[in-house]
Amino acid sequence: MALKVKLTKSFSGSSEDMLATIKGLGLKKFGDERLLKDTPAVRGMVFKVKHLVSLETVSQEAPASKRRKPRKIVARDRALERLAAKAQA
């Protein structure tokens, strides 16, 4: 089970807490929608901004989020690969 959350109203004039909650849900602009896991934490966040979002329960599974490496680590790995390529050539 998953929750489909859609930002249906403008969040201009909202408090910083609400803006952080909207960002935490992964919603960036008016009309955005996300498929999120049905957990108590997500339901609590939706409850906090229930006047700005619409909620729908769907039978699909929410996609697993991918972990990304920090930019610094990615740059370091690329530099090491370039050095290794130069050493082999």
C-alpha atoms as a PDB file:
ATOM      1  CA  MET A   1       0.000   0.000   0.000  1.00  0.00           C
ATOM      2  CA  ALA A   2       1.117   3.514  -0.740  1.00  0.00           C
ATOM      3  CA  LEU A   3      -0.173   7.039  -0.443  1.00  0.00           C
ATOM      4  CA  LYS A   4      -0.506   9.385  -3.395  1.00  0.00           C
ATOM      5  CA  VAL A   5       0.002  12.913  -2.084  1.00  0.00           C
ATOM      6  CA  LYS A   6      -0.702  15.894  -4.352  1.00  0.00           C
ATOM      7  CA  LEU A   7      -0.079  19.562  -3.599  1.00  0.00           C
ATOM      8  CA  THR A   8      -3.458  21.103  -4.458  1.00  0.00           C
ATOM      9  CA  LYS A   9      -3.159  24.572  -2.937  1.00  0.00           C
ATOM     10  CA  SER A  10      -0.475  27.221  -2.873  1.00  0.00           C
ATOM     11  CA  PHE A  11       1.798  27.230   0.143  1.00  0.00           C
ATOM     12  CA  SER A  12       2.674  30.922  -0.063  1.00  0.00           C
ATOM     13  CA  GLY A  13       2.235  32.581   3.304  1.00  0.00           C
ATOM     14  CA  SER A  14       2.623  29.285   5.163  1.00  0.00           C
ATOM     15  CA  SER A  15       4.803  29.002   8.234  1.00  0.00           C
ATOM     16  CA  GLU A  16       8.359  27.677   8.065  1.00  0.00           C
ATOM     17  CA  ASP A  17       7.225  24.428   9.708  1.00  0.00           C
ATOM     18  CA  MET A  18       4.689  23.809   6.961  1.00  0.00           C
ATOM     19  CA  LEU A  19       7.202  24.673   4.244  1.00  0.00           C
ATOM     20  CA  ALA A  20       9.660  22.189   5.743  1.00  0.00           C
ATOM     21  CA  THR A  21       6.931  19.540   5.906  1.00  0.00           C
ATOM     22  CA  ILE A  22       6.008  20.080   2.258  1.00  0.00           C
ATOM     23  CA  LYS A  23       9.668  19.824   1.300  1.00  0.00           C
ATOM     24  CA  GLY A  24       9.988  16.675   3.428  1.00  0.00           C
ATOM     25  CA  LEU A  25       7.125  15.102   1.516  1.00  0.00           C
ATOM     26  CA  GLY A  26       9.061  15.785  -1.682  1.00  0.00           C
ATOM     27  CA  LEU A  27       6.605  18.314  -3.074  1.00  0.00           C
ATOM     28  CA  LYS A  28       8.254  21.287  -4.748  1.00  0.00           C
ATOM     29  CA  LYS A  29       5.602  23.195  -6.637  1.00  0.00           C
ATOM     30  CA  PHE A  30       1.865  23.468  -7.088  1.00  0.00           C
ATOM     31  CA  GLY A  31       0.428  20.322  -8.723  1.00  0.00           C
ATOM     32  CA  ASP A  32       3.310  18.000  -7.780  1.00  0.00           C
ATOM     33  CA  GLU A  33       2.362  14.534  -6.666  1.00  0.00           C
ATOM     34  CA  ARG A  34       4.382  11.788  -5.027  1.00  0.00           C
ATOM     35  CA  LEU A  35       3.846   8.139  -4.244  1.00  0.00           C
ATOM     36  CA  LEU A  36       5.013   7.545  -0.660  1.00  0.00           C
ATOM     37  CA  LYS A  37       5.077   4.569   1.680  1.00  0.00           C
ATOM     38  CA  ASP A  38       2.134   4.410   4.058  1.00  0.00           C
ATOM     39  CA  THR A  39       3.896   4.965   7.386  1.00  0.00           C
ATOM     40  CA  PRO A  40       2.813   6.790  10.533  1.00  0.00           C
ATOM     41  CA  ALA A  41       5.500   9.435   9.917  1.00  0.00           C
ATOM     42  CA  VAL A  42       4.207  10.225   6.427  1.00  0.00           C
ATOM     43  CA  ARG A  43       0.609  10.257   7.631  1.00  0.00           C
ATOM     44  CA  GLY A  44       1.582  12.709  10.382  1.00  0.00           C
ATOM     45  CA  MET A  45       3.278  15.001   7.882  1.00  0.00           C
ATOM     46  CA  VAL A  46       0.230  14.889   5.622  1.00  0.00           C
ATOM     47  CA  PHE A  47      -2.035  15.649   8.586  1.00  0.00           C
ATOM     48  CA  LYS A  48       0.023  18.741   9.366  1.00  0.00           C
ATOM     49  CA  VAL A  49      -0.552  20.190   5.878  1.00  0.00           C
ATOM     50  CA  LYS A  50      -3.905  18.524   5.129  1.00  0.00           C
ATOM     51  CA  HIS A  51      -5.415  21.826   4.010  1.00  0.00           C
ATOM     52  CA  LEU A  52      -2.785  22.126   1.237  1.00  0.00           C
ATOM     53  CA  VAL A  53      -2.618  18.559  -0.082  1.00  0.00           C
ATOM     54  CA  SER A  54      -4.941  15.830  -1.262  1.00  0.00           C
ATOM     55  CA  LEU A  55      -4.396  12.254  -0.126  1.00  0.00           C
ATOM     56  CA  GLU A  56      -5.319   9.053  -1.913  1.00  0.00           C
ATOM     57  CA  THR A  57      -4.550   5.472  -0.901  1.00  0.00           C
ATOM     58  CA  VAL A  58      -3.426   3.287  -3.802  1.00  0.00           C
ATOM     59  CA  SER A  59      -2.642  -0.414  -4.008  1.00  0.00           C
ATOM     60  CA  GLN A  60       0.717   0.111  -5.740  1.00  0.00           C
ATOM     61  CA  GLU A  61       4.000  -0.094  -3.899  1.00  0.00           C
ATOM     62  CA  ALA A  62       5.925   3.118  -3.404  1.00  0.00           C
ATOM     63  CA  PRO A  63       9.228   3.190  -5.300  1.00  0.00           C
ATOM     64  CA  ALA A  64      12.309   2.697  -3.149  1.00  0.00           C
ATOM     65  CA  SER A  65      14.398   5.826  -2.857  1.00  0.00           C
ATOM     66  CA  LYS A  66      17.921   5.641  -4.190  1.00  0.00           C
ATOM     67  CA  ARG A  67      20.803   6.660  -1.989  1.00  0.00           C
ATOM     68  CA  ARG A  68      23.139   9.074  -3.667  1.00  0.00           C
ATOM     69  CA  LYS A  69      26.725   9.769  -2.756  1.00  0.00           C
ATOM     70  CA  PRO A  70      27.649  13.300  -1.737  1.00  0.00           C
ATOM     71  CA  ARG A  71      29.082  15.486  -4.507  1.00  0.00           C
ATOM     72  CA  LYS A  72      32.444  15.576  -2.802  1.00  0.00           C
ATOM     73  CA  ILE A  73      32.748  11.773  -2.851  1.00  0.00           C
ATOM     74  CA  VAL A  74      31.636  11.523  -6.491  1.00  0.00           C
ATOM     75  CA  ALA A  75      34.265  14.106  -7.519  1.00  0.00           C
ATOM     76  CA  ARG A  76      36.942  12.238  -5.573  1.00  0.00           C
ATOM     77  CA  ASP A  77      36.041   8.919  -7.213  1.00  0.00           C
ATOM     78  CA  ARG A  78      36.156  10.475 -10.692  1.00  0.00           C
ATOM     79  CA  ALA A  79      39.554  12.001 -10.003  1.00  0.00           C
ATOM     80  CA  LEU A  80      40.895   8.649  -8.808  1.00  0.00           C
ATOM     81  CA  GLU A  81      39.540   6.945 -11.944  1.00  0.00           C
ATOM     82  CA  ARG A  82      41.262   9.533 -14.152  1.00  0.00           C
ATOM     83  CA  LEU A  83      44.537   9.023 -12.326  1.00  0.00           C
ATOM     84  CA  ALA A  84      44.269   5.259 -12.699  1.00  0.00           C
ATOM     85  CA  ALA A  85      43.541   5.621 -16.433  1.00  0.00           C
ATOM     86  CA  LYS A  86      46.595   7.865 -16.886  1.00  0.00           C
ATOM     87  CA  ALA A  87      48.803   5.403 -15.000  1.00  0.00           C
ATOM     88  CA  GLN A  88      47.696   2.540 -17.283  1.00  0.00           C
ATOM     89  CA  ALA A  89      48.258   4.540 -20.475  1.00  0.00           C
END
